């Protein structure tokens, strides 16, 4: 569970403490990571329901 929250927390920490600027590539990367986490979790739910 901690690994799924880590990318979001690191982005927030970078924004708050290091004043990082979010450009289009960083936002698209974050969307890709979050989408992959959601897809993997959906596949786990389907696998559990089959068994």
N, C-alpha and C. Protein backbone atom coordinates (compact mmCIF):
# COMPACT_ATOMS: atom_id res chain seq x y z
N UNK A 1 0.82 -1.20 0.00
CA UNK A 1 0.00 0.00 0.00
C UNK A 1 0.86 1.25 0.00
N UNK A 2 1.96 1.20 0.71
CA UNK A 2 2.84 2.37 0.78
C UNK A 2 3.44 2.69 -0.58
N UNK A 3 3.74 1.68 -1.37
CA UNK A 3 4.33 1.90 -2.68
C UNK A 3 3.36 2.60 -3.63
N UNK A 4 2.07 2.42 -3.43
CA UNK A 4 1.11 3.09 -4.31
C UNK A 4 0.95 4.57 -3.97
N UNK A 5 1.25 4.95 -2.75
CA UNK A 5 1.11 6.34 -2.33
C UNK A 5 2.40 7.13 -2.54
N UNK A 6 3.52 6.44 -2.64
CA UNK A 6 4.83 7.10 -2.71
C UNK A 6 4.97 8.11 -3.86
N UNK A 7 4.55 7.83 -5.09
CA UNK A 7 4.70 8.84 -6.15
C UNK A 7 3.92 10.12 -5.89
N UNK A 8 2.75 9.99 -5.30
CA UNK A 8 1.94 11.17 -5.01
C UNK A 8 2.59 12.00 -3.92
N UNK A 9 3.07 11.34 -2.87
CA UNK A 9 3.71 12.05 -1.76
C UNK A 9 4.99 12.74 -2.23
N UNK A 10 5.78 12.07 -3.06
CA UNK A 10 7.02 12.68 -3.53
C UNK A 10 6.74 13.89 -4.42
N UNK A 11 5.68 13.85 -5.19
CA UNK A 11 5.32 15.02 -6.01
C UNK A 11 4.89 16.19 -5.13
N UNK A 12 4.12 15.90 -4.09
CA UNK A 12 3.67 16.97 -3.19
C UNK A 12 4.85 17.56 -2.42
N UNK A 13 5.76 16.71 -1.95
CA UNK A 13 6.95 17.19 -1.23
C UNK A 13 7.80 18.06 -2.14
N UNK A 14 8.00 17.63 -3.38
CA UNK A 14 8.77 18.43 -4.32
C UNK A 14 8.12 19.77 -4.59
N UNK A 15 6.81 19.79 -4.67
CA UNK A 15 6.10 21.04 -4.92
C UNK A 15 6.19 21.99 -3.73
N UNK A 16 6.00 21.45 -2.52
CA UNK A 16 5.96 22.31 -1.33
C UNK A 16 7.36 22.73 -0.87
N UNK A 17 8.27 21.77 -0.71
CA UNK A 17 9.56 22.07 -0.09
C UNK A 17 10.62 22.53 -1.08
N UNK A 18 10.57 22.05 -2.31
CA UNK A 18 11.61 22.37 -3.28
C UNK A 18 11.13 23.31 -4.38
N UNK A 19 9.91 23.79 -4.27
CA UNK A 19 9.31 24.72 -5.23
C UNK A 19 9.49 24.25 -6.68
N UNK A 20 9.29 22.96 -6.91
CA UNK A 20 9.36 22.44 -8.26
C UNK A 20 8.19 22.96 -9.08
N UNK A 21 8.46 23.15 -10.35
CA UNK A 21 7.42 23.60 -11.26
C UNK A 21 6.92 22.38 -12.02
N UNK A 22 5.61 22.19 -12.05
CA UNK A 22 5.04 21.07 -12.77
C UNK A 22 4.78 21.50 -14.20
N UNK A 23 5.52 20.90 -15.12
CA UNK A 23 5.26 21.14 -16.53
C UNK A 23 4.47 19.97 -17.10
N UNK A 24 4.21 20.02 -18.38
CA UNK A 24 3.35 19.03 -19.02
C UNK A 24 3.92 17.62 -18.90
N UNK A 25 5.23 17.46 -19.05
CA UNK A 25 5.82 16.12 -19.00
C UNK A 25 5.72 15.51 -17.60
N UNK A 26 5.90 16.31 -16.58
CA UNK A 26 5.77 15.78 -15.21
C UNK A 26 4.33 15.40 -14.90
N UNK A 27 3.40 16.20 -15.34
CA UNK A 27 1.99 15.89 -15.11
C UNK A 27 1.59 14.63 -15.86
N UNK A 28 2.03 14.49 -17.11
CA UNK A 28 1.73 13.28 -17.87
C UNK A 28 2.37 12.05 -17.23
N UNK A 29 3.58 12.19 -16.71
CA UNK A 29 4.24 11.09 -16.02
C UNK A 29 3.48 10.66 -14.79
N UNK A 30 3.00 11.63 -14.01
CA UNK A 30 2.23 11.31 -12.81
C UNK A 30 0.92 10.62 -13.18
N UNK A 31 0.29 11.06 -14.26
CA UNK A 31 -0.95 10.42 -14.70
C UNK A 31 -0.68 8.98 -15.13
N UNK A 32 0.44 8.75 -15.82
CA UNK A 32 0.79 7.39 -16.24
C UNK A 32 1.03 6.48 -15.03
N UNK A 33 1.73 6.98 -14.03
CA UNK A 33 2.01 6.18 -12.84
C UNK A 33 0.73 5.85 -12.09
N UNK A 34 -0.12 6.84 -11.89
CA UNK A 34 -1.37 6.61 -11.17
C UNK A 34 -2.28 5.67 -11.96
N UNK A 35 -2.31 5.83 -13.29
CA UNK A 35 -3.11 4.92 -14.12
C UNK A 35 -2.62 3.49 -14.02
N UNK A 36 -1.31 3.30 -14.03
CA UNK A 36 -0.75 1.95 -13.91
C UNK A 36 -1.11 1.32 -12.57
N UNK A 37 -1.07 2.09 -11.51
CA UNK A 37 -1.44 1.58 -10.19
C UNK A 37 -2.90 1.15 -10.17
N UNK A 38 -3.77 1.96 -10.76
CA UNK A 38 -5.19 1.62 -10.80
C UNK A 38 -5.42 0.36 -11.62
N UNK A 39 -4.77 0.26 -12.78
CA UNK A 39 -4.94 -0.92 -13.64
C UNK A 39 -4.46 -2.18 -12.92
N UNK A 40 -3.32 -2.10 -12.26
CA UNK A 40 -2.81 -3.26 -11.53
C UNK A 40 -3.75 -3.68 -10.41
N UNK A 41 -4.31 -2.73 -9.72
CA UNK A 41 -5.25 -3.06 -8.64
C UNK A 41 -6.54 -3.65 -9.19
N UNK A 42 -7.00 -3.19 -10.33
CA UNK A 42 -8.20 -3.78 -10.94
C UNK A 42 -7.94 -5.22 -11.34
N UNK A 43 -6.75 -5.51 -11.87
CA UNK A 43 -6.42 -6.88 -12.25
C UNK A 43 -6.35 -7.78 -11.02
N UNK A 44 -5.89 -7.28 -9.90
CA UNK A 44 -5.83 -8.08 -8.68
C UNK A 44 -7.23 -8.42 -8.18
N UNK A 45 -8.14 -7.47 -8.28
CA UNK A 45 -9.51 -7.70 -7.85
C UNK A 45 -10.16 -8.76 -8.73
N UNK A 46 -9.93 -8.70 -10.04
CA UNK A 46 -10.50 -9.70 -10.95
C UNK A 46 -9.93 -11.08 -10.67
N UNK A 47 -8.62 -11.16 -10.39
CA UNK A 47 -7.98 -12.45 -10.12
C UNK A 47 -8.53 -13.06 -8.84
N UNK A 48 -8.77 -12.24 -7.82
CA UNK A 48 -9.31 -12.76 -6.57
C UNK A 48 -10.75 -13.25 -6.74
N UNK A 49 -11.52 -12.57 -7.59
CA UNK A 49 -12.91 -12.98 -7.77
C UNK A 49 -13.02 -14.28 -8.58
N UNK A 50 -12.06 -14.53 -9.43
CA UNK A 50 -12.07 -15.77 -10.22
C UNK A 50 -11.75 -16.97 -9.32
N UNK A 51 -10.79 -16.79 -8.42
CA UNK A 51 -10.41 -17.90 -7.52
C UNK A 51 -11.42 -17.98 -6.45
